[in-house]
Amino acid sequence: MNKAKKFSVAKVAAVFIRFSMRLKSSDGRPSAPLGSRILTSPDDIFKHNMWDHVQWTEEDRENARQKAEENSTVRLPLNEQGKFVTVACQYWDKFYEIHQDKFFKDRRWLFLEFPELLPSGEKGRRTNTCHGHQQAAIQLCSASSTDTENGKHQRCNPVDHHRNTDTFNFQESCQQAARGTNEAAVDDSVFPGQCASFRILEIGCGVGNSVFPIVNNIKETDSFLYCCDFSPRAIQLVKNHPDYDDSVCHAFVHDICDKMATFPFPPQSLDVILAVFVLSSIHPERLQDIVNHLSAYLKHGGVLLFRDYGRYDFSQLRFKKGRCLSENFYTRGDGTCVYFFTKEEVHDLFSKAGLEEIQNLEDRRLQVNRGKKVVMRRVWMQSKYRKPYPPSTS
């Protein structure tokens, strides 16, 4: 009995030691395992909605390749493709008009997969020494927001003016909104979040499915979140959310494809850039310039966190003929677009922007509809890339 008791205590102690070491090695942050539910028996497949770390056979890969090749044989005519780039803002704004904030769920998994979103050490301590300056920056931005119809400059809240713009001018209006939003913050000495020691930017934030899990986790830290989207309607929905707090968050209209649009913060001021299911919506030929530009805003040692669709995901294979714009790039029925990445493409994209790989994973899962007895093979990319420090001059 005593031996059994000693063994049990020793086992618990060993587990505790391993757990403590894990916490110590990660600054007390949760690990990022990409899930831990492994399907070991085919008979169990309908017991859960999702299975992690699914291995594909060569036959699975070949079948997927053939399906993608088949649905790409008939492509949309070139003279019809331009609108999916030039009026992309219109399609997404219409999407948010229809679905509001009901389409996507809040991404509560963010901190498991991306613990880098939380500051550590001294950066995690909340200070109020610059609260007055922060409010001044917000007021400066608000003061410059007026109606362009009255001959004044609309800067920080262009949504109301552009809500009723006609279809023909919609994309131009979105770009003007994005540019106007940021003109007031070009002065590096005064900008929202200037006094925070840890700054995050989410691009393509939509209606805030990442924003509010982050906001609710950084309120007691010395952190600040910027979030942008090129849909004025999406940004207005973010600002109308009961959890929106401009003391820790600044939402603004911005088109990352528009080279003339500026951000409301200076270069090399960000600790983290978050890109979750946003780069896939952009034509792949435009991505390198976008990532190059974004990397200029990271501090040395800052990280870019990326999650998006992977090659041969179920959603790619289900496209019908005639929806393909270019290789592995499709348009949906609502006019929004999607690209499907490989690990090699992701690595090239970020490394050519001068970033160093921390993580570059292919997340393969089985998604199960237990009611309809349908199994879907999902493929997502998840990556982390760091901006290196400059070489020492000594």
Protein backbone atom coordinates (compact mmCIF):
# COMPACT_ATOMS: atom_id res chain seq x y z
CA MET A 1 0.00 0.00 0.00
CA ASN A 2 2.84 2.38 0.97
CA LYS A 3 4.71 1.52 -2.23
CA ALA A 4 1.62 2.28 -4.29
CA LYS A 5 1.13 5.56 -2.46
CA LYS A 6 4.77 6.54 -2.95
CA PHE A 7 4.52 5.67 -6.63
CA SER A 8 1.39 7.79 -7.00
CA VAL A 9 2.97 10.77 -5.24
CA ALA A 10 6.13 10.41 -7.31
CA LYS A 11 4.06 10.28 -10.51
CA VAL A 12 2.12 13.41 -9.59
CA ALA A 13 5.38 15.16 -8.67
CA ALA A 14 6.94 14.24 -11.99
CA VAL A 15 3.93 15.59 -13.88
CA PHE A 16 4.05 18.80 -11.85
CA ILE A 17 7.76 19.27 -12.56
CA ARG A 18 7.24 18.79 -16.29
CA PHE A 19 4.34 21.23 -16.26
CA SER A 20 6.34 23.82 -14.32
CA MET A 21 9.25 23.52 -16.73
CA ARG A 22 6.88 24.00 -19.65
CA LEU A 23 5.46 27.16 -18.10
CA LYS A 24 8.95 28.46 -17.35
CA SER A 25 10.14 27.88 -20.89
CA SER A 26 7.18 29.75 -22.36
CA ASP A 27 6.83 32.67 -19.94
CA GLY A 28 3.72 31.05 -18.49
CA ARG A 29 1.88 31.14 -21.81
CA PRO A 30 -0.20 28.27 -23.16
CA SER A 31 1.36 26.00 -25.75
CA ALA A 32 0.20 25.86 -29.38
CA PRO A 33 -0.39 22.21 -30.26
CA LEU A 34 -2.74 22.65 -33.25
CA GLY A 35 -5.15 20.43 -31.37
CA SER A 36 -4.71 17.08 -29.67
CA ARG A 37 -7.71 14.97 -30.67
CA ILE A 38 -6.28 12.12 -32.70
CA LEU A 39 -8.45 9.63 -34.59
CA THR A 40 -7.03 6.17 -33.88
CA SER A 41 -9.98 4.07 -35.01
CA PRO A 42 -12.20 4.66 -38.07
CA ASP A 43 -15.16 3.49 -35.99
CA ASP A 44 -14.84 6.63 -33.83
CA ILE A 45 -14.99 9.16 -36.64
CA PHE A 46 -18.50 10.44 -35.84
CA LYS A 47 -17.89 10.78 -32.10
CA HIS A 48 -16.52 14.34 -32.47
CA ASN A 49 -16.87 17.30 -34.82
CA MET A 50 -13.14 17.66 -35.49
CA TRP A 51 -10.05 15.43 -35.57
CA ASP A 52 -6.53 16.88 -35.50
CA HIS A 53 -3.21 16.05 -37.20
CA VAL A 54 -4.77 13.94 -39.93
CA GLN A 55 -2.31 12.18 -42.23
CA TRP A 56 -2.99 12.01 -45.96
CA THR A 57 -2.03 9.04 -48.09
CA GLU A 58 -0.54 9.44 -51.55
CA GLU A 59 -3.92 8.40 -52.91
CA ASP A 60 -5.64 11.17 -50.91
CA ARG A 61 -3.23 13.76 -52.31
CA GLU A 62 -3.66 12.55 -55.87
CA ASN A 63 -7.45 12.55 -55.63
CA ALA A 64 -7.38 16.11 -54.27
CA ARG A 65 -5.00 17.26 -56.99
CA GLN A 66 -7.26 15.83 -59.68
CA LYS A 67 -10.35 17.52 -58.26
CA ALA A 68 -8.61 20.88 -58.13
CA GLU A 69 -7.31 20.41 -61.65
CA GLU A 70 -10.79 19.52 -62.86
CA ASN A 71 -12.54 22.51 -61.33
CA SER A 72 -9.84 24.80 -62.77
CA THR A 73 -10.20 23.67 -66.38
CA VAL A 74 -12.90 26.26 -67.10
CA ARG A 75 -11.81 29.71 -65.98
CA LEU A 76 -13.69 32.95 -65.81
CA PRO A 77 -12.98 35.07 -68.92
CA LEU A 78 -10.25 37.65 -68.42
CA ASN A 79 -12.58 40.51 -69.29
CA GLU A 80 -14.79 39.53 -66.34
CA GLN A 81 -12.01 39.05 -63.81
CA GLY A 82 -11.02 42.69 -63.30
CA LYS A 83 -14.05 43.59 -61.21
CA PHE A 84 -13.06 41.14 -58.49
CA VAL A 85 -9.99 43.29 -57.90
CA THR A 86 -11.27 46.79 -58.64
CA VAL A 87 -14.52 46.53 -56.67
CA ALA A 88 -13.45 43.97 -54.04
CA CYS A 89 -14.41 46.45 -51.34
CA GLN A 90 -17.96 46.54 -52.68
CA TYR A 91 -18.32 42.75 -52.51
CA TRP A 92 -17.06 42.55 -48.93
CA ASP A 93 -19.12 45.53 -47.81
CA LYS A 94 -22.20 43.84 -49.24
CA PHE A 95 -21.18 40.65 -47.42
CA TYR A 96 -21.13 42.49 -44.08
CA GLU A 97 -24.38 44.29 -44.90
CA ILE A 98 -26.08 40.90 -45.30
CA HIS A 99 -24.41 38.92 -42.51
CA GLN A 100 -23.55 41.71 -40.05
CA ASP A 101 -21.53 40.05 -37.23
CA LYS A 102 -23.38 36.72 -37.38
CA PHE A 103 -21.36 34.81 -40.01
CA PHE A 104 -18.05 34.09 -38.23
CA LYS A 105 -17.49 32.98 -34.65
CA ASP A 106 -15.08 34.72 -32.29
CA ARG A 107 -11.62 33.17 -32.53
CA ARG A 108 -11.16 32.09 -28.94
CA TRP A 109 -8.38 29.73 -30.03
CA LEU A 110 -6.09 32.66 -30.82
CA PHE A 111 -4.05 32.58 -27.63
CA LEU A 112 -3.49 28.84 -27.77
CA GLU A 113 -2.04 29.03 -31.25
CA PHE A 114 -0.58 32.53 -31.03
CA PRO A 115 0.59 33.24 -27.46
CA GLU A 116 2.77 35.97 -28.99
CA LEU A 117 -0.34 38.17 -28.90
CA LEU A 118 0.15 38.57 -25.16
CA PRO A 119 3.02 40.72 -23.87
CA SER A 120 5.44 39.23 -21.39
CA GLY A 121 7.60 40.65 -18.60
CA GLU A 122 7.69 44.41 -18.18
CA LYS A 123 5.57 44.99 -21.27
CA GLY A 124 2.67 43.27 -19.55
CA ARG A 125 2.38 45.86 -16.82
CA ARG A 126 -0.42 48.36 -17.30
CA THR A 127 0.59 52.02 -16.93
CA ASN A 128 -1.60 55.11 -17.09
CA THR A 129 1.13 57.74 -17.43
CA CYS A 130 0.23 58.54 -21.02
CA HIS A 131 -3.54 58.15 -20.83
CA GLY A 132 -3.99 61.89 -21.44
CA HIS A 133 -1.81 61.76 -24.54
CA GLN A 134 -3.79 58.80 -25.82
CA GLN A 135 -7.06 60.67 -25.44
CA ALA A 136 -5.49 63.69 -27.17
CA ALA A 137 -4.51 61.54 -30.13
CA ILE A 138 -8.05 60.17 -30.38
CA GLN A 139 -9.54 63.67 -30.12
CA LEU A 140 -7.15 64.95 -32.78
CA CYS A 141 -8.30 62.21 -35.11
CA SER A 142 -11.97 62.82 -34.29
CA ALA A 143 -11.67 66.58 -34.70
CA SER A 144 -10.47 66.17 -38.26
CA SER A 145 -13.46 64.03 -39.21
CA THR A 146 -16.02 66.13 -41.04
CA ASP A 147 -18.34 65.82 -43.97
CA THR A 148 -16.66 66.16 -47.38
CA GLU A 149 -19.95 67.40 -48.83
CA ASN A 150 -19.48 70.58 -46.76
CA GLY A 151 -16.04 71.18 -48.23
CA LYS A 152 -14.22 69.95 -45.14
CA HIS A 153 -11.88 67.01 -44.64
CA GLN A 154 -13.29 63.68 -43.57
CA ARG A 155 -10.56 61.82 -41.71
CA CYS A 156 -11.30 59.25 -39.06
CA ASN A 157 -14.88 58.17 -39.48
CA PRO A 158 -15.79 58.08 -43.17
CA VAL A 159 -18.43 55.40 -42.77
CA ASP A 160 -21.53 57.54 -42.52
CA HIS A 161 -20.68 59.60 -45.59
CA HIS A 162 -19.86 56.59 -47.75
CA ARG A 163 -22.70 54.37 -46.67
CA ASN A 164 -24.99 55.63 -49.43
CA THR A 165 -22.39 56.01 -52.19
CA ASP A 166 -23.53 54.60 -55.51
CA THR A 167 -22.11 51.35 -56.89
CA PHE A 168 -20.05 53.03 -59.62
CA ASN A 169 -17.98 55.07 -57.12
CA PHE A 170 -17.88 52.48 -54.37
CA GLN A 171 -14.28 51.27 -54.69
CA GLU A 172 -12.94 54.81 -55.01
CA SER A 173 -14.95 55.76 -51.94
CA CYS A 174 -13.46 52.90 -49.98
CA GLN A 175 -9.95 54.02 -50.94
CA GLN A 176 -10.70 57.64 -50.07
CA ALA A 177 -12.05 56.50 -46.73
CA ALA A 178 -8.90 54.50 -46.06
CA ARG A 179 -6.64 57.38 -46.99
CA GLY A 180 -8.68 59.93 -45.08
CA THR A 181 -8.72 57.78 -41.98
CA ASN A 182 -4.96 57.89 -41.68
CA GLU A 183 -4.00 61.41 -42.77
CA ALA A 184 -4.61 62.79 -39.29
CA ALA A 185 -2.11 60.41 -37.75
CA VAL A 186 0.84 60.94 -40.07
CA ASP A 187 2.60 62.97 -37.35
CA ASP A 188 4.74 60.37 -35.57
CA SER A 189 4.79 62.39 -32.34
CA VAL A 190 1.06 61.96 -31.69
CA PHE A 191 -0.76 58.81 -32.68
CA PRO A 192 -3.23 56.40 -31.05
CA GLY A 193 -1.44 53.88 -28.85
CA GLN A 194 1.80 55.88 -28.82
CA CYS A 195 2.44 55.25 -25.13
CA ALA A 196 1.79 51.51 -25.15
CA SER A 197 4.90 49.36 -24.88
CA PHE A 198 3.33 46.53 -26.88
CA ARG A 199 1.41 47.17 -30.11
CA ILE A 200 -0.58 44.78 -32.28
CA LEU A 201 -2.08 45.31 -35.74
CA GLU A 202 -4.73 43.05 -37.20
CA ILE A 203 -5.21 43.48 -40.95
CA GLY A 204 -8.55 42.51 -42.49
CA CYS A 205 -10.24 42.49 -39.08
CA GLY A 206 -13.76 42.16 -40.49
CA VAL A 207 -16.36 42.63 -37.76
CA GLY A 208 -13.96 41.86 -34.91
CA ASN A 209 -13.90 38.10 -34.45
CA SER A 210 -10.24 38.37 -33.45
CA VAL A 211 -10.45 41.94 -32.16
CA PHE A 212 -12.63 41.36 -29.14
CA PRO A 213 -10.93 38.21 -27.82
CA ILE A 214 -7.71 40.25 -27.97
CA VAL A 215 -9.20 43.41 -26.47
CA ASN A 216 -10.66 41.49 -23.55
CA ASN A 217 -7.28 39.91 -22.85
CA ILE A 218 -5.05 42.98 -23.06
CA LYS A 219 -7.07 45.46 -20.98
CA GLU A 220 -4.90 44.90 -17.92
CA THR A 221 -1.64 45.03 -19.88
CA ASP A 222 0.36 47.85 -21.42
CA SER A 223 -0.81 46.86 -24.89
CA PHE A 224 -2.67 48.52 -27.73
CA LEU A 225 -4.50 46.98 -30.68
CA TYR A 226 -4.93 48.52 -34.12
CA CYS A 227 -7.41 46.82 -36.44
CA CYS A 228 -8.28 47.70 -40.00
CA ASP A 229 -10.45 46.56 -42.87
CA PHE A 230 -11.24 48.08 -46.25
CA SER A 231 -14.96 47.66 -45.64
CA PRO A 232 -16.38 50.79 -43.94
CA ARG A 233 -19.39 48.76 -42.87
CA ALA A 234 -17.22 46.20 -41.09
CA ILE A 235 -15.32 48.91 -39.20
CA GLN A 236 -18.55 50.56 -38.15
CA LEU A 237 -19.77 47.22 -36.78
CA VAL A 238 -16.53 46.92 -34.80
CA LYS A 239 -16.96 50.39 -33.33
CA ASN A 240 -20.59 49.70 -32.46
CA HIS A 241 -19.68 46.54 -30.52
CA PRO A 242 -20.27 46.87 -26.74
CA ASP A 243 -16.71 45.66 -26.03
CA TYR A 244 -15.03 48.25 -28.24
CA ASP A 245 -12.75 50.36 -26.05
CA ASP A 246 -10.76 53.14 -27.69
CA SER A 247 -8.36 53.27 -24.74
CA VAL A 248 -6.87 49.97 -25.91
CA CYS A 249 -8.06 49.71 -29.53
CA HIS A 250 -8.17 51.86 -32.66
CA ALA A 251 -10.29 50.59 -35.58
CA PHE A 252 -9.89 52.30 -38.94
CA VAL A 253 -10.70 51.85 -42.63
CA HIS A 254 -7.64 50.82 -44.63
CA ASP A 255 -7.01 49.01 -47.90
CA ILE A 256 -3.68 47.19 -47.63
CA CYS A 257 -3.61 46.91 -51.43
CA ASP A 258 -3.66 50.70 -51.82
CA LYS A 259 -0.05 51.91 -51.91
CA MET A 260 -1.18 55.50 -51.29
CA ALA A 261 -2.90 54.69 -48.00
CA THR A 262 -0.88 55.28 -44.82
CA PHE A 263 -1.18 53.73 -41.38
CA PRO A 264 -1.98 55.78 -38.25
CA PHE A 265 1.38 54.82 -36.65
CA PRO A 266 5.01 55.12 -37.72
CA PRO A 267 7.23 52.42 -39.24
CA GLN A 268 8.97 49.98 -36.89
CA SER A 269 6.36 50.54 -34.17
CA LEU A 270 4.55 47.17 -34.07
CA ASP A 271 5.35 44.10 -31.99
CA VAL A 272 2.82 41.85 -33.75
CA ILE A 273 0.95 41.83 -37.05
CA LEU A 274 -1.95 39.39 -37.24
CA ALA A 275 -3.21 38.16 -40.62
CA VAL A 276 -5.98 35.58 -40.20
CA PHE A 277 -7.85 34.49 -43.34
CA VAL A 278 -7.20 37.79 -45.08
CA LEU A 279 -4.24 37.41 -47.48
CA SER A 280 -6.08 34.60 -49.27
CA SER A 281 -8.73 37.09 -50.38
CA ILE A 282 -6.14 39.06 -52.40
CA HIS A 283 -4.84 38.20 -55.86
CA PRO A 284 -1.61 36.24 -55.33
CA GLU A 285 0.34 38.53 -57.67
CA ARG A 286 -0.22 41.44 -55.26
CA LEU A 287 0.79 39.67 -52.06
CA GLN A 288 4.55 40.17 -52.11
CA ASP A 289 4.32 43.96 -52.25
CA ILE A 290 1.78 43.93 -49.44
CA VAL A 291 3.90 41.78 -47.12
CA ASN A 292 7.01 43.82 -47.95
CA HIS A 293 5.14 46.96 -46.94
CA LEU A 294 3.76 45.44 -43.75
CA SER A 295 7.16 44.20 -42.61
CA ALA A 296 8.42 47.79 -42.55
CA TYR A 297 6.05 48.51 -39.65
CA LEU A 298 7.36 45.69 -37.45
CA LYS A 299 9.94 46.43 -34.81
CA HIS A 300 13.11 44.38 -34.99
CA GLY A 301 12.15 41.19 -33.16
CA GLY A 302 8.47 41.72 -33.98
CA VAL A 303 6.45 38.84 -35.41
CA LEU A 304 3.90 38.34 -38.16
CA LEU A 305 1.28 35.69 -37.31
CA PHE A 306 -0.50 34.07 -40.23
CA ARG A 307 -3.36 31.60 -40.58
CA ASP A 308 -5.15 30.93 -43.85
CA TYR A 309 -6.42 28.35 -46.33
CA GLY A 310 -4.09 25.55 -47.46
CA ARG A 311 -3.84 23.81 -50.83
CA TYR A 312 -6.56 21.18 -51.44
CA ASP A 313 -8.71 22.26 -48.53
CA PHE A 314 -12.27 20.94 -48.78
CA SER A 315 -13.51 24.41 -49.72
CA GLN A 316 -11.19 24.46 -52.77
CA LEU A 317 -12.25 21.06 -54.02
CA ARG A 318 -15.95 21.89 -53.86
CA PHE A 319 -15.75 24.81 -56.32
CA LYS A 320 -17.65 24.32 -59.56
CA LYS A 321 -16.11 24.85 -62.97
CA GLY A 322 -16.10 28.46 -64.06
CA ARG A 323 -15.25 29.95 -60.65
CA CYS A 324 -11.47 29.78 -61.10
CA LEU A 325 -9.68 33.09 -61.82
CA SER A 326 -6.11 31.78 -61.91
CA GLU A 327 -4.21 28.81 -60.56
CA ASN A 328 -5.59 27.99 -57.06
CA PHE A 329 -7.42 31.35 -56.94
CA TYR A 330 -11.23 31.36 -57.08
CA THR A 331 -14.21 33.65 -56.72
CA ARG A 332 -17.22 32.67 -54.65
CA GLY A 333 -20.82 33.28 -55.63
CA ASP A 334 -20.92 36.52 -53.59
CA GLY A 335 -17.92 37.98 -55.45
CA THR A 336 -15.36 37.51 -52.66
CA CYS A 337 -12.17 35.67 -53.61
CA VAL A 338 -9.93 33.03 -52.04
CA TYR A 339 -6.46 31.63 -52.67
CA PHE A 340 -5.09 28.33 -51.32
CA PHE A 341 -1.47 28.35 -50.12
CA THR A 342 1.29 25.76 -49.82
CA LYS A 343 4.01 25.77 -47.16
CA GLU A 344 6.60 26.63 -49.78
CA GLU A 345 4.60 29.63 -51.02
CA VAL A 346 4.11 30.91 -47.49
CA HIS A 347 7.81 30.59 -46.74
CA ASP A 348 8.81 32.39 -49.94
CA LEU A 349 6.26 35.16 -49.32
CA PHE A 350 7.55 36.06 -45.87
CA SER A 351 11.24 35.30 -46.29
CA LYS A 352 11.43 37.52 -49.39
CA ALA A 353 10.09 40.32 -47.16
CA GLY A 354 13.13 39.84 -44.92
CA LEU A 355 11.40 37.84 -42.20
CA GLU A 356 12.79 34.73 -40.51
CA GLU A 357 10.75 31.57 -40.03
CA ILE A 358 9.70 30.60 -36.51
CA GLN A 359 6.92 28.24 -37.50
CA ASN A 360 5.42 27.14 -40.82
CA LEU A 361 2.86 24.38 -40.43
CA GLU A 362 0.27 22.64 -42.53
CA ASP A 363 -2.74 22.02 -40.29
CA ARG A 364 -4.67 19.02 -41.63
CA ARG A 365 -7.91 18.07 -39.91
CA LEU A 366 -11.09 16.10 -40.41
CA GLN A 367 -14.21 18.19 -39.92
CA VAL A 368 -17.28 16.05 -39.30
CA ASN A 369 -20.96 16.79 -39.76
CA ARG A 370 -22.32 14.12 -37.45
CA GLY A 371 -25.93 14.80 -38.39
CA LYS A 372 -25.40 14.33 -42.13
CA LYS A 373 -22.55 11.81 -41.70
CA VAL A 374 -20.29 13.93 -43.89
CA VAL A 375 -16.51 14.07 -43.48
CA MET A 376 -14.53 17.04 -44.81
CA ARG A 377 -10.74 17.20 -45.13
CA ARG A 378 -9.64 20.66 -44.00
CA VAL A 379 -6.23 22.14 -44.71
CA TRP A 380 -5.03 25.39 -43.13
CA MET A 381 -1.65 27.07 -43.04
CA GLN A 382 -0.32 28.44 -39.77
CA SER A 383 2.92 30.38 -39.68
CA LYS A 384 5.01 32.75 -37.57
CA TYR A 385 7.79 34.91 -38.98
CA ARG A 386 10.06 37.32 -37.12
CA LYS A 387 11.76 40.49 -38.26
CA PRO A 388 15.45 39.97 -37.50
CA TYR A 389 17.61 42.40 -35.59
CA PRO A 390 20.18 44.27 -37.69
CA PRO A 391 23.69 42.83 -37.60
CA SER A 392 25.91 44.10 -34.83
CA THR A 393 28.38 46.81 -35.85
CA SER A 394 30.90 45.82 -33.18
